[in-house]
Every structure is written in C-alpha cells, then in structure tokens.
C-alpha cells in the first residue's frame, strides 16, 4: 500500500485559527473586543489565530480556546476542533472537548491559591496575636491584687484622704489591729446579749470568785514591796534610770503597734498594744519610738510629756527620744 502524498497531507492540515480570524474580521470585531468576551488577553487570541498553539498552556486548553472561539462566532465547533487536532497532530481526534464559555487562564488558578494562602496566614497571625493579648491580660490580672496590697487609703483629721504605702511593719500592724478590732465586736455583743440570762445565784458566785482573786493579787505585790523597800501598799515605784539611759512611758487610748529601739539598735519592745494598756521601758538613750497608730498613744519621756503630733505621717509616727 502506497503512502499518502506529502502534498495531500499538507492540504489536510488547515489552521483553524485562520478560519476564526476570517470570521471575526467579516463581522468587524476587533481583537481586543473578542479577547475581552472570551476572558483572554489579546496576545493569546493572536496566537490562536496565527496557529501558534505550542505557545499556549497545553493542547487541552488550546482545544478549549478554539471551541469557545468558534461558539462565539457561531461556527461549527466540532469541525474546528477536528482541524485543530489535524493541524497539531494530536491523538484526541473526535474527543469530547467541552466548550468553555468563560475561559480562565492557568495564571488565575495560581492567583486564587496565593489569595487563599495569604488569607490563611492572616488568620493564623490574628489567632497568635489574640492568644498573646489574652496571656498578657491574665498576667496583669494576677499581678493586680499584689499591687493593691502595697498601699491603703487613710482619712486624715481635716477630711482629706491620703494614699499611704505599706512599706513599714507598723503600717501592716495597723491593718491587722483594725481587723482584730472589727472581729472583737461580735463576741462582745454576744456576751452582752447572753449576760441577762445568768441567774442571780451564778452572778453572786462569779462576784465572790473575782473579789477573792483581787484580794490575793493585791496582797502579793504589797508583801514583795514591803520586803524590798517599805512603802504604802499598792504603789509600784518606776524603774530607776541609770546615767546615759532614758525612760519612756506610753499610755494607749486605742490599739497601736509599738516598737522601741535603744541607741545600740537593740529592739526593747515590738508588739501590738491594746486600748487601756501602758508601756514602761528604760534603755540607752537616745531611744527610737515607732507607733503604728500615733493618735492612739500618749507618750512621756523621763517624766515629761511628748507631743507626737509633729511626727505623724499619715497615721504612723517615728520619734527620737533623748536626741540632741
């Protein structure tokens, strides 16, 4: 069997793009106008019309372009696709190539992927930022109570409110004393409420016990005093002051944390004194007196009254007794 003549084979290879170009020009349509309707660039459309299908992204897309172009011009789509297969030597002769009414170039798929990846990155960054903000908010919330304990408000005598830092132990003792005072109110009220319930016989027995205890307590100091130095019963002499020492007396009209330190830095006393109590101490002068609630203390040094008002800061005071 003889092979087909080369001229016959060449005659069968008809460029479908040429037919599409002629049909376009016969309708008076410009390249830009048709390219816009097919969602192609003018360069792509010119490549199709010139038969430069090897510059297109694969035979599948090129075949789809040809069919969509033929459909737009109202031409026989199957014939032009067959001419395309013959012209390009494709094996897909007679294949069912769907018409692309609205063609998207491969670059558009890349742009869609890029947009999706960018959006995903933005979502991840937003999530990380929200998590960091939440962690910072929780950390500040945990630190807030600690900061709030470092100071407290004090209402002064003139009606103004002062912020006083808790940088001294006496300040902390003031708060503890105030809390203890509030707690002590309830037991007192309970005892007062229960007092009427005692019958007369129980009251008489209690009074007898108290009187007998008081008599014993008074007799013992009197005996000791008379043995040491004859003096009227019930009078206790204050401790004698040695040269270079000072004596401080404090009477408390309210609960007050008190600390006394001598000239050597030795702490002679450091505790909370209750309302109605007194404190008498002697030590090497000068003495340093620190009061947690200065308005609740009446101070005298070596028998002379001391005005604590000029030394008050907030509600506390620090006084140097016996200094120059």
Protein backbone atom coordinates (compact mmCIF):
# COMPACT_ATOMS: atom_id res chain seq x y z
CA UNK A 1 0.00 0.00 0.00
CA UNK A 2 1.47 3.34 -1.04
CA UNK A 3 1.85 6.15 1.49
CA UNK A 4 -0.15 9.33 1.06
CA UNK A 5 1.49 12.04 -0.98
CA UNK A 6 3.10 14.81 1.10
CA UNK A 7 1.03 17.47 -0.69
CA UNK A 8 -2.20 15.67 0.34
CA UNK A 9 -1.14 15.51 4.00
CA UNK A 10 -0.23 19.20 3.95
CA UNK A 11 -3.58 20.04 2.39
CA UNK A 12 -5.41 18.35 5.27
CA UNK A 13 -3.52 20.43 7.86
CA UNK A 14 -5.68 23.51 7.94
CA UNK A 15 -5.04 26.13 10.59
CA UNK A 16 -8.34 26.58 12.49
CA UNK A 17 -7.13 29.93 13.77
CA UNK A 18 -7.13 31.30 10.22
CA UNK A 19 -10.79 30.38 9.82
CA UNK A 20 -11.60 32.03 13.14
CA UNK A 21 -9.74 35.19 12.17
CA UNK A 22 -11.56 35.49 8.86
CA UNK A 23 -14.92 35.02 10.58
CA UNK A 24 -14.04 37.68 13.15
CA UNK A 25 -12.98 40.19 10.52
CA UNK A 26 -16.09 39.53 8.49
CA UNK A 27 -18.15 40.62 11.49
CA UNK A 28 -15.99 43.70 12.02
CA UNK A 29 -14.93 42.71 15.56
CA UNK A 30 -11.62 43.91 16.93
CA UNK A 31 -9.12 41.61 18.63
CA UNK A 32 -9.46 43.41 21.98
CA UNK A 33 -13.25 43.16 21.89
CA UNK A 34 -13.26 39.40 21.25
CA UNK A 35 -10.46 38.79 23.79
CA UNK A 36 -12.50 40.56 26.47
CA UNK A 37 -15.58 38.41 25.75
CA UNK A 38 -13.52 35.21 25.97
CA UNK A 39 -11.65 36.44 29.09
CA UNK A 40 -8.34 36.15 27.20
CA UNK A 41 -5.53 38.57 26.57
CA UNK A 42 -5.17 40.00 23.03
CA UNK A 43 -1.81 38.19 22.82
CA UNK A 44 -3.46 34.80 23.45
CA UNK A 45 -6.11 35.49 20.83
CA UNK A 46 -3.47 36.48 18.29
CA UNK A 47 -1.55 33.24 19.00
CA UNK A 48 -4.72 31.19 18.35
CA UNK A 49 -5.40 32.96 15.08
CA UNK A 50 -1.75 32.55 13.98
CA UNK A 51 -1.80 28.83 14.79
CA UNK A 52 0.93 29.18 17.44
CA UNK A 53 -0.70 26.57 19.66
CA UNK A 54 2.64 25.43 21.06
CA UNK A 55 2.84 28.73 22.95
CA UNK A 56 -0.44 28.03 24.71
CA UNK A 57 -0.58 26.11 28.05
CA UNK A 58 -1.16 22.61 26.63
CA UNK A 59 -3.35 21.11 23.89
CA UNK A 60 -6.29 20.65 26.24
CA UNK A 61 -6.54 24.37 26.98
CA UNK A 62 -5.78 25.28 23.35
CA UNK A 63 -8.55 22.98 22.10
CA UNK A 64 -10.94 24.57 24.58
CA UNK A 65 -9.97 28.03 23.36
CA UNK A 66 -10.71 27.04 19.76
CA UNK A 67 -14.11 25.61 20.65
CA UNK A 68 -15.07 28.67 22.72
CA UNK A 69 -13.93 31.00 19.91
CA UNK A 70 -15.98 29.04 17.35
CA UNK A 71 -19.05 29.12 19.60
CA UNK A 72 -18.76 32.91 19.99
CA UNK A 73 -18.63 33.34 16.19
CA UNK A 74 -21.45 30.84 15.58
CA UNK A 75 -19.23 28.39 13.65
CA UNK A 76 -19.17 24.58 13.66
CA UNK A 77 -17.28 23.75 16.84
CA UNK A 78 -16.67 20.05 16.04
CA UNK A 79 -15.18 20.85 12.61
CA UNK A 80 -12.79 23.43 14.03
CA UNK A 81 -11.73 21.09 16.84
CA UNK A 82 -11.06 18.36 14.25
CA UNK A 83 -9.00 20.82 12.20
CA UNK A 84 -7.08 21.69 15.39
CA UNK A 85 -6.29 18.00 16.08
CA UNK A 86 -5.14 17.51 12.48
CA UNK A 87 -3.10 20.71 12.49
CA UNK A 88 -1.33 19.90 15.77
CA UNK A 89 -1.07 16.14 15.18
CA UNK A 90 -2.97 15.47 18.41
CA UNK A 91 -4.31 11.95 19.19
CA UNK A 92 -7.52 13.37 20.61
CA UNK A 93 -9.38 13.37 17.26
CA UNK A 94 -13.08 13.12 17.90
CA UNK A 95 -12.71 13.57 21.66
CA UNK A 96 -15.45 15.26 23.57
CA UNK A 97 -13.96 18.66 24.37
CA UNK A 98 -16.40 20.74 26.36
CA UNK A 99 -16.96 24.28 25.29
CA UNK A 100 -15.52 26.92 27.55
CA UNK A 101 -17.99 29.78 27.66
CA UNK A 102 -15.81 31.73 30.05
CA UNK A 103 -12.13 30.77 29.86
CA UNK A 104 -9.81 31.20 32.81
CA UNK A 105 -6.11 31.16 32.20
CA UNK A 106 -3.87 28.99 34.40
CA UNK A 107 -2.38 32.07 35.98
CA UNK A 108 -5.74 32.79 37.57
CA UNK A 109 -5.63 29.49 39.40
CA UNK A 110 -2.23 30.47 40.81
CA UNK A 111 -3.64 33.80 41.94
CA UNK A 112 -6.53 32.06 43.69
CA UNK A 113 -4.14 29.75 45.53
CA UNK A 114 -1.97 32.72 46.50
CA UNK A 115 -5.00 34.58 47.88
CA UNK A 116 -6.08 31.54 49.88
CA UNK A 117 -2.60 31.06 51.37
CA UNK A 118 -2.39 34.77 52.26
CA UNK A 119 -5.78 34.66 53.94
CA UNK A 120 -4.79 31.56 55.93
CA UNK A 121 -1.60 33.28 57.11
CA UNK A 122 -3.58 36.33 58.21
CA UNK A 123 -5.96 34.14 60.20
CA UNK A 124 -3.03 32.38 61.90
CA UNK A 125 -1.35 35.69 62.76
CA UNK A 126 -4.61 37.06 64.15
CA UNK A 127 -5.01 33.95 66.31
CA UNK A 128 -1.46 34.25 67.65
CA UNK A 129 -1.97 37.94 68.40
CA UNK A 130 -5.23 37.27 70.28
CA UNK A 131 -3.60 34.49 72.31
CA UNK A 132 -0.68 36.79 73.25
CA UNK A 133 -3.09 39.57 74.26
CA UNK A 134 -5.09 37.16 76.41
CA UNK A 135 -1.93 35.91 78.14
CA UNK A 136 -0.86 39.49 78.92
CA UNK A 137 -4.32 40.33 80.28
CA UNK A 138 -4.28 37.30 82.59
CA UNK A 139 -0.77 38.15 83.79
CA UNK A 140 -1.78 41.72 84.66
CA UNK A 141 -4.89 40.41 86.40
CA UNK A 142 -2.73 38.12 88.55
CA UNK A 143 -0.36 40.96 89.46
CA UNK A 144 -3.12 43.47 90.25
CA UNK A 145 -4.08 42.07 93.70
CA UNK A 146 -0.43 42.06 94.79
CA UNK A 147 -0.02 45.70 93.81
CA UNK A 148 -3.21 46.73 95.57
CA UNK A 149 -1.90 45.41 98.89
CA UNK A 150 1.13 47.69 98.73
CA UNK A 151 -0.88 50.78 99.79
CA UNK A 152 -4.03 51.78 101.62
CA UNK A 153 -6.14 54.90 101.96
CA UNK A 154 -6.12 56.87 105.22
CA UNK A 155 -8.63 59.59 106.04
CA UNK A 156 -6.87 62.35 107.95
CA UNK A 157 -8.31 64.69 110.58
CA UNK A 158 -9.02 67.50 108.05
CA UNK A 159 -11.26 65.22 105.99
CA UNK A 160 -8.81 64.57 103.14
CA UNK A 161 -7.90 61.08 102.01
CA UNK A 162 -4.21 60.13 101.76
CA UNK A 163 -2.60 57.17 99.99
CA UNK A 164 -0.16 55.62 102.44
CA UNK A 165 2.34 52.93 101.30
CA UNK A 166 2.71 49.79 103.38
CA UNK A 167 6.49 49.99 103.49
CA UNK A 168 6.76 49.83 107.27
CA UNK A 169 5.87 46.95 109.65
CA UNK A 170 3.82 49.30 111.82
CA UNK A 171 1.59 50.07 108.82
CA UNK A 172 0.83 46.41 108.36
CA UNK A 173 0.19 46.10 112.09
CA UNK A 174 -2.35 48.95 111.88
CA UNK A 175 -4.37 46.99 109.34
CA UNK A 176 -4.10 43.85 111.48
CA UNK A 177 -5.23 45.77 114.54
CA UNK A 178 -8.18 47.28 112.69
CA UNK A 179 -9.23 43.83 111.51
CA UNK A 180 -8.88 42.43 115.03
CA UNK A 181 -10.98 45.29 116.41
CA UNK A 182 -13.78 44.58 113.94
CA UNK A 183 -13.71 40.88 114.80
CA UNK A 184 -13.80 41.61 118.53
CA UNK A 185 -17.12 43.45 118.22
CA UNK A 186 -19.15 40.33 117.59
CA UNK A 187 -18.04 38.30 120.69
CA UNK A 188 -18.61 41.37 122.88
CA UNK A 189 -22.15 41.78 121.62
CA UNK A 190 -22.79 38.08 122.12
CA UNK A 191 -21.54 38.25 125.72
CA UNK A 192 -23.72 41.29 126.41
CA UNK A 193 -26.74 39.55 124.93
CA UNK A 194 -26.11 36.43 126.99
CA UNK A 195 -25.44 38.32 130.22
CA UNK A 196 -29.15 38.81 131.17
CA UNK A 197 -29.64 35.06 131.03
CA UNK A 198 -27.40 34.47 134.09
CA UNK A 199 -29.45 33.83 137.19
CA UNK A 200 -28.80 35.64 140.47
CA UNK A 201 -27.02 32.70 142.11
CA UNK A 202 -24.47 32.41 139.25
CA UNK A 203 -23.79 36.16 139.40
CA UNK A 204 -23.16 36.03 143.15
CA UNK A 205 -20.75 33.11 142.73
CA UNK A 206 -18.83 34.94 139.98
CA UNK A 207 -18.57 38.10 142.09
CA UNK A 208 -17.22 36.10 145.03
CA UNK A 209 -14.54 34.47 142.87
CA UNK A 210 -13.46 37.83 141.41
CA UNK A 211 -13.24 39.51 144.82
CA UNK A 212 -11.18 36.68 146.30
CA UNK A 213 -8.81 36.75 143.30
CA UNK A 214 -8.40 40.52 143.59
CA UNK A 215 -7.55 40.27 147.29
CA UNK A 216 -4.86 37.68 146.61
CA UNK A 217 -3.43 39.76 143.75
CA UNK A 218 -3.23 42.88 145.89
CA UNK A 219 -1.67 41.14 148.88
CA UNK A 220 1.22 39.55 146.95
CA UNK A 221 2.63 42.83 145.45
CA UNK A 222 2.24 44.52 148.81
CA UNK A 223 4.27 41.85 150.59
CA UNK A 224 7.03 41.97 147.97
CA UNK A 225 7.17 45.78 148.08
CA UNK A 226 7.37 45.94 151.83
CA UNK A 227 10.22 43.41 151.86
CA UNK A 228 12.25 45.39 149.30
CA UNK A 229 11.51 48.94 150.37
CA UNK A 230 8.93 49.93 152.96
CA UNK A 231 6.25 51.90 151.13
CA UNK A 232 2.48 52.22 151.10
CA UNK A 233 0.76 49.06 149.84
CA UNK A 234 -0.33 49.03 146.17
CA UNK A 235 2.22 51.66 144.95
CA UNK A 236 4.83 50.37 142.46
CA UNK A 237 7.89 52.53 142.04
CA UNK A 238 9.01 53.06 138.39
CA UNK A 239 12.38 51.58 137.49
CA UNK A 240 15.34 53.79 138.36
CA UNK A 241 17.08 55.49 135.41
CA UNK A 242 20.82 54.85 135.13
CA UNK A 243 23.11 57.54 133.74
CA UNK A 244 23.02 57.56 129.95
CA UNK A 245 19.63 55.87 129.84
CA UNK A 246 16.16 57.21 129.21
CA UNK A 247 12.73 56.07 130.34
CA UNK A 248 9.68 56.14 128.06
CA UNK A 249 6.10 55.76 129.26
CA UNK A 250 3.23 55.20 126.81
CA UNK A 251 -0.48 55.03 127.63
CA UNK A 252 -2.72 53.69 124.90
CA UNK A 253 -6.21 55.08 124.20
CA UNK A 254 -6.54 52.89 121.09
CA UNK A 255 -4.93 49.76 119.65
CA UNK A 256 -1.46 50.67 118.41
CA UNK A 257 1.54 48.72 117.15
CA UNK A 258 4.60 49.88 119.09
CA UNK A 259 8.35 49.37 118.77
CA UNK A 260 11.11 50.78 121.00
CA UNK A 261 14.80 50.59 120.00
CA UNK A 262 17.77 51.79 122.06
CA UNK A 263 20.89 53.61 120.88
CA UNK A 264 22.66 50.31 120.15
CA UNK A 265 19.90 49.24 117.78
CA UNK A 266 18.55 46.67 120.21
CA UNK A 267 14.79 46.24 119.97
CA UNK A 268 13.44 46.58 123.52
CA UNK A 269 9.80 46.03 122.59
CA UNK A 270 7.88 45.25 119.39
CA UNK A 271 4.22 44.20 119.57
CA UNK A 272 0.63 45.37 119.35
CA UNK A 273 -0.66 47.16 122.46
CA UNK A 274 -4.37 47.25 123.16
CA UNK A 275 -6.53 50.13 124.27
CA UNK A 276 -6.17 50.78 128.02
CA UNK A 277 -2.71 49.20 128.31
CA UNK A 278 0.54 51.00 129.26
CA UNK A 279 4.20 50.52 128.44
CA UNK A 280 7.22 51.49 130.60
CA UNK A 281 10.73 50.89 129.31
CA UNK A 282 14.24 52.13 130.05
CA UNK A 283 17.22 51.86 127.74
CA UNK A 284 20.35 53.53 126.46
CA UNK A 285 19.49 56.94 125.06
CA UNK A 286 18.58 58.11 122.58
CA UNK A 287 15.53 55.84 122.16
CA UNK A 288 13.59 55.46 118.94
CA UNK A 289 9.82 55.06 119.29
CA UNK A 290 7.72 53.91 116.35
CA UNK A 291 3.92 53.99 116.55
CA UNK A 292 1.56 52.37 114.08
CA UNK A 293 -1.44 54.49 115.16
CA UNK A 294 0.14 57.55 116.71
CA UNK A 295 -3.13 59.26 117.71
CA UNK A 296 -3.89 56.32 119.98
CA UNK A 297 -0.78 56.78 122.16
CA UNK A 298 0.15 59.30 124.90
CA UNK A 299 3.93 59.47 125.32
CA UNK A 300 6.18 60.82 128.09
CA UNK A 301 9.98 60.67 128.30
CA UNK A 302 11.78 60.92 131.63
CA UNK A 303 8.55 62.17 133.20
CA UNK A 304 7.90 64.92 130.60
CA UNK A 305 5.02 64.71 128.13
CA UNK A 306 5.97 64.39 124.46
CA UNK A 307 3.78 65.83 121.67
CA UNK A 308 3.65 63.22 118.91
CA UNK A 309 1.61 65.37 116.51
CA UNK A 310 4.59 66.94 114.65
CA UNK A 311 6.00 63.48 113.99
CA UNK A 312 2.83 61.94 112.48
CA UNK A 313 2.90 60.89 108.83
CA UNK A 314 -0.45 59.53 107.72
CA UNK A 315 -1.32 57.62 110.88
CA UNK A 316 2.17 56.48 111.89
CA UNK A 317 4.95 58.26 113.76
CA UNK A 318 8.67 57.81 114.36
CA UNK A 319 10.06 59.76 117.32
CA UNK A 320 13.63 60.07 118.58
CA UNK A 321 13.64 60.50 122.34
CA UNK A 322 16.65 61.95 124.16
CA UNK A 323 18.39 63.08 121.00
CA UNK A 324 20.14 66.43 120.55
